[in-house]
Amino acid sequence: MARREVSLRPWLKSSLPGWRKDFLNSPDSHPVFQCAFQQAPQLASFRPASIQPASQCAIQPALHVLPVDWEKKMEGLKIIQALARHHQALLKTNLHHVCQVVTDEVKHGRCCVVFAPIDTITELHVHLGKNMDPEVDWTGCVLLLKLAQTTQTFIHQRVNLALDALVKGCSPGRVVITLLNFGLSHQCHRVRESTALHLHQLTEIVGENWIVTAERHFAERFLTSVCKLTLDAATEVRLHGQEMLKKLGHQSQLKALWNTVVPKKDRHHLEKILGAVWQ
């Protein structure tokens, strides 16, 4: 089946004299961004990776599919990263389409350049924070599944950095749902390990008390997931699960959930882990 490119409706025709016309105006380049700089002559010779804020600058990007040429893809992704750092308001107006394009490149991009869209997702989460909440399912799912698609260590490291930014920037409830939906039961141990790692990070950020006193359905699902991770076949996954379980064990509310949430067949082993905490 042929790959379906994500096409995005242009917002404004480009009018940027003197800047990379081979990139912007070539009919076969399909640029990801065309920026119009109005009343800002000082930005006429800007560099995509370092767009700086300007008080009298109105930048109206127009999004298209990323070009086939990998160098132009890299250029377009750098522009998105720069706008995420310095012009977040522009991205917010069409954020879903931006995320569609970038995540599509994470899924289908060549191995030698796949780090660029991953890094772009990192920049979006770092600088847009909770504005990325509606996109967590898109970005979180693609990042987790990328861990199963490759054995390249440097890609795994970048994916986990992007997930770090997602966990720190987005609302805890949205993060938990995404991690559990796409990572908890995945066959690949690297995906489960990253899921456990980032649930652990989230526990550190929000605190165990926040988890056990949240809405009952949420607390029950979180505890069920932690127990499952604690019993995982992979050592790295189990370690994160055990650490989270011990921290939750200090909360008095956990005992009220224990008998209703944890299956009888698993209680003995899990209670041994909690033994020192519950004494």
C-alpha atoms as a PDB file:
ATOM      1  CA  MET A   1       0.000   0.000   0.000  1.00  0.00           C
ATOM      2  CA  ALA A   2       1.418   3.402  -0.951  1.00  0.00           C
ATOM      3  CA  ARG A   3       2.198   5.794   1.823  1.00  0.00           C
ATOM      4  CA  ARG A   4      -0.408   8.534   2.189  1.00  0.00           C
ATOM      5  CA  GLU A   5       1.169  11.925   2.698  1.00  0.00           C
ATOM      6  CA  VAL A   6      -0.455  14.389   5.061  1.00  0.00           C
ATOM      7  CA  SER A   7      -1.494  17.482   3.170  1.00  0.00           C
ATOM      8  CA  LEU A   8      -2.106  20.735   4.958  1.00  0.00           C
ATOM      9  CA  ARG A   9      -3.992  23.781   3.709  1.00  0.00           C
ATOM     10  CA  PRO A  10      -1.723  26.832   3.226  1.00  0.00           C
ATOM     11  CA  TRP A  11      -2.414  29.801   5.467  1.00  0.00           C
ATOM     12  CA  LEU A  12      -0.719  32.534   3.494  1.00  0.00           C
ATOM     13  CA  LYS A  13       1.262  32.848   0.300  1.00  0.00           C
ATOM     14  CA  SER A  14       4.943  33.310   0.873  1.00  0.00           C
ATOM     15  CA  SER A  15       6.481  36.753   0.458  1.00  0.00           C
ATOM     16  CA  LEU A  16       9.974  36.483   1.824  1.00  0.00           C
ATOM     17  CA  PRO A  17      12.445  38.199  -0.511  1.00  0.00           C
ATOM     18  CA  GLY A  18      16.020  37.068  -0.492  1.00  0.00           C
ATOM     19  CA  TRP A  19      15.615  33.911   1.597  1.00  0.00           C
ATOM     20  CA  ARG A  20      16.276  30.478   0.215  1.00  0.00           C
ATOM     21  CA  LYS A  21      14.124  30.886  -2.885  1.00  0.00           C
ATOM     22  CA  ASP A  22      15.360  27.523  -4.102  1.00  0.00           C
ATOM     23  CA  PHE A  23      13.679  26.021  -1.008  1.00  0.00           C
ATOM     24  CA  LEU A  24      10.536  28.117  -0.970  1.00  0.00           C
ATOM     25  CA  ASN A  25       9.721  28.567  -4.637  1.00  0.00           C
ATOM     26  CA  SER A  26      10.880  25.397  -6.370  1.00  0.00           C
ATOM     27  CA  PRO A  27       7.700  23.763  -7.753  1.00  0.00           C
ATOM     28  CA  ASP A  28       8.873  20.251  -6.841  1.00  0.00           C
ATOM     29  CA  SER A  29      10.182  20.983  -3.354  1.00  0.00           C
ATOM     30  CA  HIS A  30       6.838  20.988  -1.441  1.00  0.00           C
ATOM     31  CA  PRO A  31       8.285  22.986   1.490  1.00  0.00           C
ATOM     32  CA  VAL A  32       6.967  22.376   4.979  1.00  0.00           C
ATOM     33  CA  PHE A  33       7.054  26.057   5.878  1.00  0.00           C
ATOM     34  CA  GLN A  34       6.770  29.270   3.903  1.00  0.00           C
ATOM     35  CA  CYS A  35       7.141  32.274   6.185  1.00  0.00           C
ATOM     36  CA  ALA A  36       5.993  35.797   5.391  1.00  0.00           C
ATOM     37  CA  PHE A  37       7.945  38.453   7.239  1.00  0.00           C
ATOM     38  CA  GLN A  38       6.088  41.730   7.304  1.00  0.00           C
ATOM     39  CA  GLN A  39       7.450  44.990   8.690  1.00  0.00           C
ATOM     40  CA  ALA A  40      10.579  43.206   9.874  1.00  0.00           C
ATOM     41  CA  PRO A  41      13.445  43.953   7.502  1.00  0.00           C
ATOM     42  CA  GLN A  42      15.919  42.973  10.221  1.00  0.00           C
ATOM     43  CA  LEU A  43      14.788  39.349   9.769  1.00  0.00           C
ATOM     44  CA  ALA A  44      15.248  39.202   6.033  1.00  0.00           C
ATOM     45  CA  SER A  45      18.409  37.105   6.380  1.00  0.00           C
ATOM     46  CA  PHE A  46      17.371  34.920   9.317  1.00  0.00           C
ATOM     47  CA  ARG A  47      18.534  31.336   9.832  1.00  0.00           C
ATOM     48  CA  PRO A  48      15.790  28.715  10.351  1.00  0.00           C
ATOM     49  CA  ALA A  49      17.325  27.195  13.484  1.00  0.00           C
ATOM     50  CA  SER A  50      17.572  30.530  15.248  1.00  0.00           C
ATOM     51  CA  ILE A  51      14.452  32.572  14.529  1.00  0.00           C
ATOM     52  CA  GLN A  52      14.431  35.284  17.157  1.00  0.00           C
ATOM     53  CA  PRO A  53      11.390  37.109  18.531  1.00  0.00           C
ATOM     54  CA  ALA A  54      10.643  40.458  16.929  1.00  0.00           C
ATOM     55  CA  SER A  55       8.121  42.937  18.227  1.00  0.00           C
ATOM     56  CA  GLN A  56       7.059  44.128  14.764  1.00  0.00           C
ATOM     57  CA  CYS A  57       7.074  40.786  13.047  1.00  0.00           C
ATOM     58  CA  ALA A  58       4.058  38.919  11.717  1.00  0.00           C
ATOM     59  CA  ILE A  59       5.044  35.450  10.561  1.00  0.00           C
ATOM     60  CA  GLN A  60       2.300  33.462   8.852  1.00  0.00           C
ATOM     61  CA  PRO A  61       3.466  29.926   8.070  1.00  0.00           C
ATOM     62  CA  ALA A  62       1.873  27.791   5.386  1.00  0.00           C
ATOM     63  CA  LEU A  63       2.155  24.047   5.858  1.00  0.00           C
ATOM     64  CA  HIS A  64       2.446  21.494   3.092  1.00  0.00           C
ATOM     65  CA  VAL A  65       3.637  17.916   2.974  1.00  0.00           C
ATOM     66  CA  LEU A  66       7.306  17.519   3.779  1.00  0.00           C
ATOM     67  CA  PRO A  67       9.431  17.408   0.620  1.00  0.00           C
ATOM     68  CA  VAL A  68      10.876  14.184  -0.708  1.00  0.00           C
ATOM     69  CA  ASP A  69      14.402  15.591  -0.613  1.00  0.00           C
ATOM     70  CA  TRP A  70      15.795  14.742   2.832  1.00  0.00           C
ATOM     71  CA  GLU A  71      17.838  17.942   3.087  1.00  0.00           C
ATOM     72  CA  LYS A  72      14.716  20.030   2.555  1.00  0.00           C
ATOM     73  CA  LYS A  73      12.905  17.892   5.135  1.00  0.00           C
ATOM     74  CA  MET A  74      15.629  18.694   7.648  1.00  0.00           C
ATOM     75  CA  GLU A  75      15.333  22.388   6.801  1.00  0.00           C
ATOM     76  CA  GLY A  76      11.562  22.345   7.262  1.00  0.00           C
ATOM     77  CA  LEU A  77      11.795  20.526  10.604  1.00  0.00           C
ATOM     78  CA  LYS A  78      14.356  23.064  11.816  1.00  0.00           C
ATOM     79  CA  ILE A  79      11.873  25.820  11.029  1.00  0.00           C
ATOM     80  CA  ILE A  80       9.187  24.080  13.085  1.00  0.00           C
ATOM     81  CA  GLN A  81      11.656  23.729  15.969  1.00  0.00           C
ATOM     82  CA  ALA A  82      12.574  27.408  15.741  1.00  0.00           C
ATOM     83  CA  LEU A  83       8.934  28.478  15.733  1.00  0.00           C
ATOM     84  CA  ALA A  84       8.299  26.260  18.756  1.00  0.00           C
ATOM     85  CA  ARG A  85      11.061  28.116  20.619  1.00  0.00           C
ATOM     86  CA  HIS A  86      10.199  31.660  19.628  1.00  0.00           C
ATOM     87  CA  HIS A  87       6.738  31.889  18.041  1.00  0.00           C
ATOM     88  CA  GLN A  88       4.486  29.408  19.826  1.00  0.00           C
ATOM     89  CA  ALA A  89       1.332  31.389  19.027  1.00  0.00           C
ATOM     90  CA  LEU A  90       1.764  30.656  15.331  1.00  0.00           C
ATOM     91  CA  LEU A  91       1.912  26.918  15.880  1.00  0.00           C
ATOM     92  CA  LYS A  92      -1.066  26.844  18.241  1.00  0.00           C
ATOM     93  CA  THR A  93      -3.463  27.880  15.484  1.00  0.00           C
ATOM     94  CA  ASN A  94      -2.720  24.759  13.443  1.00  0.00           C
ATOM     95  CA  LEU A  95      -0.978  22.524  15.958  1.00  0.00           C
ATOM     96  CA  HIS A  96      -2.824  19.315  15.119  1.00  0.00           C
ATOM     97  CA  HIS A  97      -1.741  19.464  11.479  1.00  0.00           C
ATOM     98  CA  VAL A  98       1.845  20.221  12.466  1.00  0.00           C
ATOM     99  CA  CYS A  99       1.867  17.170  14.738  1.00  0.00           C
ATOM    100  CA  GLN A 100       0.369  14.996  11.990  1.00  0.00           C
ATOM    101  CA  VAL A 101       3.160  15.925   9.610  1.00  0.00           C
ATOM    102  CA  VAL A 102       5.939  15.470  12.163  1.00  0.00           C
ATOM    103  CA  THR A 103       4.674  12.161  13.565  1.00  0.00           C
ATOM    104  CA  ASP A 104       4.268  10.863  10.024  1.00  0.00           C
ATOM    105  CA  GLU A 105       7.963  11.502   9.503  1.00  0.00           C
ATOM    106  CA  VAL A 106       8.828   9.667  12.746  1.00  0.00           C
ATOM    107  CA  LYS A 107       6.890   6.633  11.508  1.00  0.00           C
ATOM    108  CA  HIS A 108       8.116   6.600   7.933  1.00  0.00           C
ATOM    109  CA  GLY A 109      11.309   8.658   7.830  1.00  0.00           C
ATOM    110  CA  ARG A 110      14.662   7.278   6.725  1.00  0.00           C
ATOM    111  CA  CYS A 111      16.803   5.948   9.554  1.00  0.00           C
ATOM    112  CA  CYS A 112      19.570   8.471   8.903  1.00  0.00           C
ATOM    113  CA  VAL A 113      17.260  11.470   9.454  1.00  0.00           C
ATOM    114  CA  VAL A 114      14.591  10.125  11.790  1.00  0.00           C
ATOM    115  CA  PHE A 115      16.194  11.877  14.759  1.00  0.00           C
ATOM    116  CA  ALA A 116      15.106  15.248  13.321  1.00  0.00           C
ATOM    117  CA  PRO A 117      11.320  14.718  13.646  1.00  0.00           C
ATOM    118  CA  ILE A 118      11.851  13.092  17.060  1.00  0.00           C
ATOM    119  CA  ASP A 119      13.780  16.158  18.191  1.00  0.00           C
ATOM    120  CA  THR A 120      11.016  18.326  16.741  1.00  0.00           C
ATOM    121  CA  ILE A 121       8.445  16.558  18.929  1.00  0.00           C
ATOM    122  CA  THR A 122      10.729  17.229  21.905  1.00  0.00           C
ATOM    123  CA  GLU A 123      10.817  20.939  21.092  1.00  0.00           C
ATOM    124  CA  LEU A 124       7.028  21.074  20.699  1.00  0.00           C
ATOM    125  CA  HIS A 125       6.463  19.480  24.115  1.00  0.00           C
ATOM    126  CA  VAL A 126       9.141  21.560  25.854  1.00  0.00           C
ATOM    127  CA  HIS A 127       7.931  24.916  24.590  1.00  0.00           C
ATOM    128  CA  LEU A 128       4.174  24.396  24.169  1.00  0.00           C
ATOM    129  CA  GLY A 129       3.576  22.468  27.398  1.00  0.00           C
ATOM    130  CA  LYS A 130      -0.091  21.748  28.103  1.00  0.00           C
ATOM    131  CA  ASN A 131      -1.079  23.152  24.725  1.00  0.00           C
ATOM    132  CA  MET A 132       0.111  19.759  23.470  1.00  0.00           C
ATOM    133  CA  ASP A 133      -2.474  17.878  25.576  1.00  0.00           C
ATOM    134  CA  PRO A 134      -4.801  17.209  22.614  1.00  0.00           C
ATOM    135  CA  GLU A 135      -1.844  15.798  20.664  1.00  0.00           C
ATOM    136  CA  VAL A 136      -0.465  13.451  23.340  1.00  0.00           C
ATOM    137  CA  ASP A 137      -2.092  10.389  21.794  1.00  0.00           C
ATOM    138  CA  TRP A 138      -0.461  11.191  18.444  1.00  0.00           C
ATOM    139  CA  THR A 139       3.007  11.955  19.706  1.00  0.00           C
ATOM    140  CA  GLY A 140       3.117   9.493  22.605  1.00  0.00           C
ATOM    141  CA  CYS A 141       1.923   6.548  20.529  1.00  0.00           C
ATOM    142  CA  VAL A 142       4.369   7.207  17.694  1.00  0.00           C
ATOM    143  CA  LEU A 143       7.306   7.621  20.083  1.00  0.00           C
ATOM    144  CA  LEU A 144       6.569   4.440  22.015  1.00  0.00           C
ATOM    145  CA  LEU A 145       6.077   2.377  18.875  1.00  0.00           C
ATOM    146  CA  LYS A 146       9.326   3.715  17.414  1.00  0.00           C
ATOM    147  CA  LEU A 147      11.168   1.886  20.191  1.00  0.00           C
ATOM    148  CA  ALA A 148       9.871  -1.389  18.762  1.00  0.00           C
ATOM    149  CA  GLN A 149      10.719  -0.494  15.164  1.00  0.00           C
ATOM    150  CA  THR A 150      14.468  -0.114  15.559  1.00  0.00           C
ATOM    151  CA  THR A 151      17.394  -1.423  17.589  1.00  0.00           C
ATOM    152  CA  GLN A 152      19.422   1.765  17.153  1.00  0.00           C
ATOM    153  CA  THR A 153      20.510   2.977  20.590  1.00  0.00           C
ATOM    154  CA  PHE A 154      20.819   6.630  19.581  1.00  0.00           C
ATOM    155  CA  ILE A 155      17.206   6.624  18.359  1.00  0.00           C
ATOM    156  CA  HIS A 156      16.031   5.024  21.623  1.00  0.00           C
ATOM    157  CA  GLN A 157      17.831   7.751  23.571  1.00  0.00           C
ATOM    158  CA  ARG A 158      16.195  10.518  21.556  1.00  0.00           C
ATOM    159  CA  VAL A 159      12.769   8.897  21.833  1.00  0.00           C
ATOM    160  CA  ASN A 160      13.089   8.700  25.605  1.00  0.00           C
ATOM    161  CA  LEU A 161      14.175  12.341  25.772  1.00  0.00           C
ATOM    162  CA  ALA A 162      11.071  13.276  23.792  1.00  0.00           C
ATOM    163  CA  LEU A 163       8.912  11.228  26.175  1.00  0.00           C
ATOM    164  CA  ASP A 164      10.621  12.991  29.098  1.00  0.00           C
ATOM    165  CA  ALA A 165       9.444  16.306  27.652  1.00  0.00           C
ATOM    166  CA  LEU A 166       5.942  14.908  27.102  1.00  0.00           C
ATOM    167  CA  VAL A 167       5.671  13.734  30.719  1.00  0.00           C
ATOM    168  CA  LYS A 168       6.945  17.013  32.152  1.00  0.00           C
ATOM    169  CA  GLY A 169       4.907  19.271  29.882  1.00  0.00           C
ATOM    170  CA  CYS A 170       1.473  17.691  29.551  1.00  0.00           C
ATOM    171  CA  SER A 171      -1.366  17.101  32.015  1.00  0.00           C
ATOM    172  CA  PRO A 172      -0.750  13.992  34.173  1.00  0.00           C
ATOM    173  CA  GLY A 173      -4.083  12.391  33.353  1.00  0.00           C
ATOM    174  CA  ARG A 174      -3.496  12.617  29.596  1.00  0.00           C
ATOM    175  CA  VAL A 175       0.025  11.279  29.968  1.00  0.00           C
ATOM    176  CA  VAL A 176      -1.061   8.252  32.018  1.00  0.00           C
ATOM    177  CA  ILE A 177      -3.820   7.318  29.563  1.00  0.00           C
ATOM    178  CA  THR A 178      -1.423   7.494  26.608  1.00  0.00           C
ATOM    179  CA  LEU A 179       1.322   5.476  28.296  1.00  0.00           C
ATOM    180  CA  LEU A 180      -1.060   2.773  29.466  1.00  0.00           C
ATOM    181  CA  ASN A 181      -3.025   2.541  26.220  1.00  0.00           C
ATOM    182  CA  PHE A 182      -0.010   2.181  23.961  1.00  0.00           C
ATOM    183  CA  GLY A 183       2.834   0.870  26.100  1.00  0.00           C
ATOM    184  CA  LEU A 184       1.667  -1.239  29.028  1.00  0.00           C
ATOM    185  CA  SER A 185       0.929  -4.484  27.169  1.00  0.00           C
ATOM    186  CA  HIS A 186       3.194  -4.101  24.162  1.00  0.00           C
ATOM    187  CA  GLN A 187       5.109  -7.216  23.156  1.00  0.00           C
ATOM    188  CA  CYS A 188       8.416  -5.348  22.871  1.00  0.00           C
ATOM    189  CA  HIS A 189      10.204  -5.095  26.229  1.00  0.00           C
ATOM    190  CA  ARG A 190      11.782  -1.767  25.202  1.00  0.00           C
ATOM    191  CA  VAL A 191       8.327  -0.227  24.858  1.00  0.00           C
ATOM    192  CA  ARG A 192       7.242  -1.593  28.248  1.00  0.00           C
ATOM    193  CA  GLU A 193      10.478  -0.423  29.839  1.00  0.00           C
ATOM    194  CA  SER A 194       9.997   3.116  28.540  1.00  0.00           C
ATOM    195  CA  THR A 195       6.379   3.049  29.704  1.00  0.00           C
ATOM    196  CA  ALA A 196       7.470   1.993  33.197  1.00  0.00           C
ATOM    197  CA  LEU A 197      10.253   4.587  33.260  1.00  0.00           C
ATOM    198  CA  HIS A 198       7.931   7.432  32.351  1.00  0.00           C
ATOM    199  CA  LEU A 199       5.148   6.348  34.693  1.00  0.00           C
ATOM    200  CA  HIS A 200       7.842   6.370  37.388  1.00  0.00           C
ATOM    201  CA  GLN A 201       8.872   9.871  36.339  1.00  0.00           C
ATOM    202  CA  LEU A 202       5.268  11.016  36.473  1.00  0.00           C
ATOM    203  CA  THR A 203       4.889   9.561  39.967  1.00  0.00           C
ATOM    204  CA  GLU A 204       7.893  11.615  41.057  1.00  0.00           C
ATOM    205  CA  ILE A 205       6.405  14.758  39.526  1.00  0.00           C
ATOM    206  CA  VAL A 206       2.839  14.593  40.869  1.00  0.00           C
ATOM    207  CA  GLY A 207       3.474  12.605  44.067  1.00  0.00           C
ATOM    208  CA  GLU A 208       1.972   9.336  45.265  1.00  0.00           C
ATOM    209  CA  ASN A 209      -0.756  11.073  47.253  1.00  0.00           C
ATOM    210  CA  TRP A 210      -2.099  12.744  44.109  1.00  0.00           C
ATOM    211  CA  ILE A 211      -2.422   9.335  42.447  1.00  0.00           C
ATOM    212  CA  VAL A 212      -4.228   7.465  45.229  1.00  0.00           C
ATOM    213  CA  THR A 213      -6.580  10.373  45.980  1.00  0.00           C
ATOM    214  CA  ALA A 214      -7.494  10.984  42.332  1.00  0.00           C
ATOM    215  CA  GLU A 215     -10.757   9.802  40.788  1.00  0.00           C
ATOM    216  CA  ARG A 216     -11.314   6.182  41.840  1.00  0.00           C
ATOM    217  CA  HIS A 217     -11.280   4.766  38.315  1.00  0.00           C
ATOM    218  CA  PHE A 218      -7.969   6.510  37.599  1.00  0.00           C
ATOM    219  CA  ALA A 219      -6.396   5.353  40.878  1.00  0.00           C
ATOM    220  CA  GLU A 220      -7.527   1.768  40.314  1.00  0.00           C
ATOM    221  CA  ARG A 221      -6.173   1.681  36.770  1.00  0.00           C
ATOM    222  CA  PHE A 222      -2.867   3.167  37.847  1.00  0.00           C
ATOM    223  CA  LEU A 223      -2.447   0.635  40.658  1.00  0.00           C
ATOM    224  CA  THR A 224      -3.409  -2.261  38.364  1.00  0.00           C
ATOM    225  CA  SER A 225      -0.806  -1.110  35.854  1.00  0.00           C
ATOM    226  CA  VAL A 226       1.922  -0.736  38.473  1.00  0.00           C
ATOM    227  CA  CYS A 227       1.221  -4.262  39.717  1.00  0.00           C
ATOM    228  CA  LYS A 228       1.432  -5.578  36.159  1.00  0.00           C
ATOM    229  CA  LEU A 229       4.765  -3.834  35.605  1.00  0.00           C
ATOM    230  CA  THR A 230       6.067  -5.180  38.917  1.00  0.00           C
ATOM    231  CA  LEU A 231       5.407  -8.728  37.684  1.00  0.00           C
ATOM    232  CA  ASP A 232       6.764  -8.158  34.158  1.00  0.00           C
ATOM    233  CA  ALA A 233       9.106 -10.690  32.571  1.00  0.00           C
ATOM    234  CA  ALA A 234      11.747  -8.017  31.841  1.00  0.00           C
ATOM    235  CA  THR A 235      14.021  -7.054  34.750  1.00  0.00           C
ATOM    236  CA  GLU A 236      14.231  -3.373  33.804  1.00  0.00           C
ATOM    237  CA  VAL A 237      10.453  -3.105  33.706  1.00  0.00           C
ATOM    238  CA  ARG A 238      10.050  -4.875  37.072  1.00  0.00           C
ATOM    239  CA  LEU A 239      12.499  -2.529  38.787  1.00  0.00           C
ATOM    240  CA  HIS A 240      10.464   0.558  37.905  1.00  0.00           C
ATOM    241  CA  GLY A 241       7.258  -1.205  38.895  1.00  0.00           C
ATOM    242  CA  GLN A 242       8.668  -2.226  42.270  1.00  0.00           C
ATOM    243  CA  GLU A 243       9.886   1.285  43.022  1.00  0.00           C
ATOM    244  CA  MET A 244       6.478   2.777  42.223  1.00  0.00           C
ATOM    245  CA  LEU A 245       4.680   0.119  44.263  1.00  0.00           C
ATOM    246  CA  LYS A 246       6.856   0.770  47.319  1.00  0.00           C
ATOM    247  CA  LYS A 247       6.208   4.504  47.091  1.00  0.00           C
ATOM    248  CA  LEU A 248       2.473   3.982  46.735  1.00  0.00           C
ATOM    249  CA  GLY A 249       2.629   1.614  49.716  1.00  0.00           C
ATOM    250  CA  HIS A 250       3.336   4.549  52.035  1.00  0.00           C
ATOM    251  CA  GLN A 251      -0.114   5.955  51.285  1.00  0.00           C
ATOM    252  CA  SER A 252      -2.840   4.790  53.656  1.00  0.00           C
ATOM    253  CA  GLN A 253      -5.434   4.958  50.860  1.00  0.00           C
ATOM    254  CA  LEU A 254      -3.654   2.151  49.013  1.00  0.00           C
ATOM    255  CA  LYS A 255      -4.950  -0.510  51.401  1.00  0.00           C
ATOM    256  CA  ALA A 256      -8.531   0.509  50.634  1.00  0.00           C
ATOM    257  CA  LEU A 257      -7.904  -0.206  46.950  1.00  0.00           C
ATOM    258  CA  TRP A 258      -5.751  -3.280  47.394  1.00  0.00           C
ATOM    259  CA  ASN A 259      -8.311  -6.065  47.783  1.00  0.00           C
ATOM    260  CA  THR A 260     -10.608  -4.743  45.074  1.00  0.00           C
ATOM    261  CA  VAL A 261      -7.897  -4.097  42.487  1.00  0.00           C
ATOM    262  CA  VAL A 262      -5.162  -6.708  42.918  1.00  0.00           C
ATOM    263  CA  PRO A 263      -6.018 -10.298  41.864  1.00  0.00           C
ATOM    264  CA  LYS A 264      -5.704 -12.894  44.625  1.00  0.00           C
ATOM    265  CA  LYS A 265      -3.110 -14.894  42.681  1.00  0.00           C
ATOM    266  CA  ASP A 266      -0.752 -11.899  42.622  1.00  0.00           C
ATOM    267  CA  ARG A 267      -1.235 -10.564  46.150  1.00  0.00           C
ATOM    268  CA  HIS A 268       1.233 -12.820  47.957  1.00  0.00           C
ATOM    269  CA  HIS A 269       4.175 -11.893  45.737  1.00  0.00           C
ATOM    270  CA  LEU A 270       3.310  -8.204  45.697  1.00  0.00           C
ATOM    271  CA  GLU A 271       2.776  -8.101  49.474  1.00  0.00           C
ATOM    272  CA  LYS A 272       6.262  -9.557  49.928  1.00  0.00           C
ATOM    273  CA  ILE A 273       7.630  -6.538  48.042  1.00  0.00           C
ATOM    274  CA  LEU A 274       5.532  -4.258  50.255  1.00  0.00           C
ATOM    275  CA  GLY A 275       6.405  -6.190  53.417  1.00  0.00           C
ATOM    276  CA  ALA A 276       8.930  -3.733  54.828  1.00  0.00           C
ATOM    277  CA  VAL A 277       6.736  -0.763  53.886  1.00  0.00           C
ATOM    278  CA  TRP A 278       3.584  -2.146  55.539  1.00  0.00           C
ATOM    279  CA  GLN A 279       5.197  -3.359  58.730  1.00  0.00           C
END
